[in-house]
Structures are given as C-alpha cells and as structure tokens.
Amino acid sequence: VHLVESGGGLVQAGDSLRLSCTASGAPLDYYVIGWFRQAPGKGREVVSCINGADGGTRYADSVQGRFTVSKDNALNTVSLQMSGLKPEDTGVYYCAAGNGCAATRAYSWGQGTQVTVSS
C-alpha cells in the first residue's frame, strides 16, 4: 500500500489543521492506520491510530480531546483533525499502515508532512 500525506502547514497556537492520508494499492480496511510525529531532535511517537476494519481509535494522552482521527472508505483516506494546536505539536507527521498501533508494526509509511505551530 502506498500512502501520501497532505494538509500540513504553519499555524498559530490555538488554530486547527486537518491532515489527510490517502492510500493506493490496497483498501485501508486491511490495516491499522497510525499517525505518528517526529519533533526536531526527538524520536517518532504515535499520535493516533484507527483500525480500518472496525473503526476503533486510540490517541496519545497528549492529544486526547484535541485530535480526532477518522476514515473515509470511499476515498480510501484517513484524516487527522487537529484542534487547539500547541507549539509542542510541531513536527513532521507521518501516516503508516500496519497491523498495530506502533511504529514497529508498520508495513508502509508516507513521506510525511510538516506541521509548525507558532506561539
């Protein structure tokens, strides 16, 4: 499966942003789709995941209540709606398809999209 992210940008603290991850080559129903981010000088961390089969979702504590992950089967796309953005949300955001909600369980990664939140 090939993944392409879009929707990153430069915003101010408190703003909202919507990221999209569009898949080709296979239906997202087959995978757990994760959103991960990597801040400068830090490791890649999981932000949120959605189970393509049953729609179950998981969120990191740091984004719970602010971010919402969803999928559109018709478009074969998973989106991450981010609200109440904080400077610490800054980083490169990646989507990945795999069999679990962890970077080590990802089969395929997108190229990443930069999100920068200014204070």
C-alpha atoms as a PDB file:
ATOM      1  CA  VAL A   1       0.000   0.000   0.000  1.00  0.00           C
ATOM      2  CA  HIS A   2       1.275   3.464  -0.928  1.00  0.00           C
ATOM      3  CA  LEU A   3       0.473   6.361   1.388  1.00  0.00           C
ATOM      4  CA  VAL A   4       0.563  10.104   0.740  1.00  0.00           C
ATOM      5  CA  GLU A   5       0.021  12.718   3.453  1.00  0.00           C
ATOM      6  CA  SER A   6      -1.233  16.227   2.875  1.00  0.00           C
ATOM      7  CA  GLY A   7      -2.519  19.192   4.836  1.00  0.00           C
ATOM      8  CA  GLY A   8       0.446  20.306   6.902  1.00  0.00           C
ATOM      9  CA  GLY A   9       1.389  23.924   7.334  1.00  0.00           C
ATOM     10  CA  LEU A  10       2.285  26.810   9.621  1.00  0.00           C
ATOM     11  CA  VAL A  11      -0.384  27.850  12.110  1.00  0.00           C
ATOM     12  CA  GLN A  12      -0.654  29.748  15.362  1.00  0.00           C
ATOM     13  CA  ALA A  13      -1.295  28.238  18.763  1.00  0.00           C
ATOM     14  CA  GLY A  14      -4.987  27.510  19.199  1.00  0.00           C
ATOM     15  CA  ASP A  15      -5.616  27.052  15.485  1.00  0.00           C
ATOM     16  CA  SER A  16      -6.875  23.931  13.752  1.00  0.00           C
ATOM     17  CA  LEU A  17      -5.446  21.866  10.947  1.00  0.00           C
ATOM     18  CA  ARG A  18      -6.600  18.774   9.085  1.00  0.00           C
ATOM     19  CA  LEU A  19      -4.170  16.188   7.781  1.00  0.00           C
ATOM     20  CA  SER A  20      -5.096  13.562   5.224  1.00  0.00           C
ATOM     21  CA  CYS A  21      -3.508  10.229   4.384  1.00  0.00           C
ATOM     22  CA  THR A  22      -4.588   8.850   1.028  1.00  0.00           C
ATOM     23  CA  ALA A  23      -3.850   5.247   0.202  1.00  0.00           C
ATOM     24  CA  SER A  24      -3.467   3.466  -3.094  1.00  0.00           C
ATOM     25  CA  GLY A  25      -2.787  -0.151  -3.887  1.00  0.00           C
ATOM     26  CA  ALA A  26      -4.976  -1.670  -1.191  1.00  0.00           C
ATOM     27  CA  PRO A  27      -8.094  -0.832   0.840  1.00  0.00           C
ATOM     28  CA  LEU A  28      -7.420   0.716   4.223  1.00  0.00           C
ATOM     29  CA  ASP A  29      -9.847  -1.804   5.675  1.00  0.00           C
ATOM     30  CA  TYR A  30      -6.956  -4.262   5.782  1.00  0.00           C
ATOM     31  CA  TYR A  31      -4.783  -2.199   8.112  1.00  0.00           C
ATOM     32  CA  VAL A  32      -4.386  -0.294  11.293  1.00  0.00           C
ATOM     33  CA  ILE A  33      -3.547   3.236  10.177  1.00  0.00           C
ATOM     34  CA  GLY A  34      -1.409   5.239  12.535  1.00  0.00           C
ATOM     35  CA  TRP A  35      -0.460   8.881  12.691  1.00  0.00           C
ATOM     36  CA  PHE A  36       3.000   9.493  14.087  1.00  0.00           C
ATOM     37  CA  ARG A  37       5.028  12.633  14.575  1.00  0.00           C
ATOM     38  CA  GLN A  38       8.666  13.449  14.975  1.00  0.00           C
ATOM     39  CA  ALA A  39       9.811  16.684  16.523  1.00  0.00           C
ATOM     40  CA  PRO A  40      13.323  18.029  15.864  1.00  0.00           C
ATOM     41  CA  GLY A  41      15.861  16.037  17.843  1.00  0.00           C
ATOM     42  CA  LYS A  42      13.287  13.574  19.132  1.00  0.00           C
ATOM     43  CA  GLY A  43      12.097  10.105  18.241  1.00  0.00           C
ATOM     44  CA  ARG A  44       8.979   9.238  16.342  1.00  0.00           C
ATOM     45  CA  GLU A  45       5.922   8.979  18.589  1.00  0.00           C
ATOM     46  CA  VAL A  46       2.449   7.675  17.973  1.00  0.00           C
ATOM     47  CA  VAL A  47      -0.282  10.300  17.906  1.00  0.00           C
ATOM     48  CA  SER A  48      -3.369   8.344  16.976  1.00  0.00           C
ATOM     49  CA  CYS A  49      -4.497   5.147  15.279  1.00  0.00           C
ATOM     50  CA  ILE A  50      -7.624   3.859  13.627  1.00  0.00           C
ATOM     51  CA  ASN A  51      -8.478   0.263  12.868  1.00  0.00           C
ATOM     52  CA  GLY A  52      -9.502   0.082   9.232  1.00  0.00           C
ATOM     53  CA  ALA A  53     -11.663  -2.956   9.861  1.00  0.00           C
ATOM     54  CA  ASP A  54     -13.808  -1.808  12.775  1.00  0.00           C
ATOM     55  CA  GLY A  55     -13.060   1.910  13.111  1.00  0.00           C
ATOM     56  CA  GLY A  56     -11.676   1.607  16.619  1.00  0.00           C
ATOM     57  CA  THR A  57      -9.469   4.544  17.592  1.00  0.00           C
ATOM     58  CA  ARG A  58      -6.638   5.289  20.003  1.00  0.00           C
ATOM     59  CA  TYR A  59      -4.999   8.551  20.997  1.00  0.00           C
ATOM     60  CA  ALA A  60      -1.871   9.607  22.787  1.00  0.00           C
ATOM     61  CA  ASP A  61      -2.618  11.268  26.122  1.00  0.00           C
ATOM     62  CA  SER A  62      -1.069  14.484  24.834  1.00  0.00           C
ATOM     63  CA  VAL A  63      -3.663  14.867  22.067  1.00  0.00           C
ATOM     64  CA  GLN A  64      -6.732  13.234  23.634  1.00  0.00           C
ATOM     65  CA  GLY A  65      -9.692  15.576  23.321  1.00  0.00           C
ATOM     66  CA  ARG A  66      -7.969  17.807  20.770  1.00  0.00           C
ATOM     67  CA  PHE A  67      -7.342  15.476  17.828  1.00  0.00           C
ATOM     68  CA  THR A  68      -9.843  13.270  16.012  1.00  0.00           C
ATOM     69  CA  VAL A  69      -8.947  10.507  13.587  1.00  0.00           C
ATOM     70  CA  SER A  70     -11.445   9.285  11.006  1.00  0.00           C
ATOM     71  CA  LYS A  71     -11.576   7.312   7.788  1.00  0.00           C
ATOM     72  CA  ASP A  72     -13.442   7.632   4.528  1.00  0.00           C
ATOM     73  CA  ASN A  73     -13.746   4.252   2.863  1.00  0.00           C
ATOM     74  CA  ALA A  74     -14.977   5.703  -0.411  1.00  0.00           C
ATOM     75  CA  LEU A  75     -11.877   7.890  -0.730  1.00  0.00           C
ATOM     76  CA  ASN A  76      -9.562   5.341   0.909  1.00  0.00           C
ATOM     77  CA  THR A  77      -8.380   8.152   3.138  1.00  0.00           C
ATOM     78  CA  VAL A  78      -7.695   8.587   6.836  1.00  0.00           C
ATOM     79  CA  SER A  79      -7.822  12.092   8.276  1.00  0.00           C
ATOM     80  CA  LEU A  80      -6.499  13.657  11.452  1.00  0.00           C
ATOM     81  CA  GLN A  81      -8.417  16.722  12.595  1.00  0.00           C
ATOM     82  CA  MET A  82      -6.241  18.718  14.962  1.00  0.00           C
ATOM     83  CA  SER A  83      -7.711  21.453  17.113  1.00  0.00           C
ATOM     84  CA  GLY A  84      -6.321  23.596  19.889  1.00  0.00           C
ATOM     85  CA  LEU A  85      -2.853  23.198  18.465  1.00  0.00           C
ATOM     86  CA  LYS A  86       0.103  23.869  20.733  1.00  0.00           C
ATOM     87  CA  PRO A  87       3.742  24.641  19.901  1.00  0.00           C
ATOM     88  CA  GLU A  88       4.665  21.199  21.220  1.00  0.00           C
ATOM     89  CA  ASP A  89       2.559  19.676  18.431  1.00  0.00           C
ATOM     90  CA  THR A  90       5.182  20.868  15.965  1.00  0.00           C
ATOM     91  CA  GLY A  91       6.856  18.146  13.957  1.00  0.00           C
ATOM     92  CA  VAL A  92       6.758  16.048  10.832  1.00  0.00           C
ATOM     93  CA  TYR A  93       3.589  13.990  10.768  1.00  0.00           C
ATOM     94  CA  TYR A  94       3.590  10.601   9.115  1.00  0.00           C
ATOM     95  CA  CYS A  95       0.859   8.108   8.447  1.00  0.00           C
ATOM     96  CA  ALA A  96       1.616   4.423   8.367  1.00  0.00           C
ATOM     97  CA  ALA A  97      -0.250   1.225   7.586  1.00  0.00           C
ATOM     98  CA  GLY A  98       0.385  -1.876   9.610  1.00  0.00           C
ATOM     99  CA  ASN A  99      -1.052  -4.483  11.926  1.00  0.00           C
ATOM    100  CA  GLY A 100      -0.952  -2.497  15.130  1.00  0.00           C
ATOM    101  CA  CYS A 101      -0.687   0.916  16.706  1.00  0.00           C
ATOM    102  CA  ALA A 102       3.085   1.156  16.915  1.00  0.00           C
ATOM    103  CA  ALA A 103       5.890   2.210  14.610  1.00  0.00           C
ATOM    104  CA  THR A 104       7.418  -1.253  14.842  1.00  0.00           C
ATOM    105  CA  ARG A 105       4.235  -2.765  13.426  1.00  0.00           C
ATOM    106  CA  ALA A 106       4.032  -0.548  10.351  1.00  0.00           C
ATOM    107  CA  TYR A 107       4.448  -2.021   6.889  1.00  0.00           C
ATOM    108  CA  SER A 108       4.356   1.154   4.871  1.00  0.00           C
ATOM    109  CA  TRP A 109       4.978   4.838   5.592  1.00  0.00           C
ATOM    110  CA  GLY A 110       4.045   8.056   3.889  1.00  0.00           C
ATOM    111  CA  GLN A 111       6.618  10.726   3.142  1.00  0.00           C
ATOM    112  CA  GLY A 112       5.499  12.993   5.983  1.00  0.00           C
ATOM    113  CA  THR A 113       4.048  16.475   6.171  1.00  0.00           C
ATOM    114  CA  GLN A 114       5.385  19.335   8.288  1.00  0.00           C
ATOM    115  CA  VAL A 115       3.224  20.905  10.962  1.00  0.00           C
ATOM    116  CA  THR A 116       4.571  24.014  12.649  1.00  0.00           C
ATOM    117  CA  VAL A 117       2.690  25.709  15.462  1.00  0.00           C
ATOM    118  CA  SER A 118       3.923  29.130  16.488  1.00  0.00           C
ATOM    119  CA  SER A 119       3.306  30.572  19.936  1.00  0.00           C
END
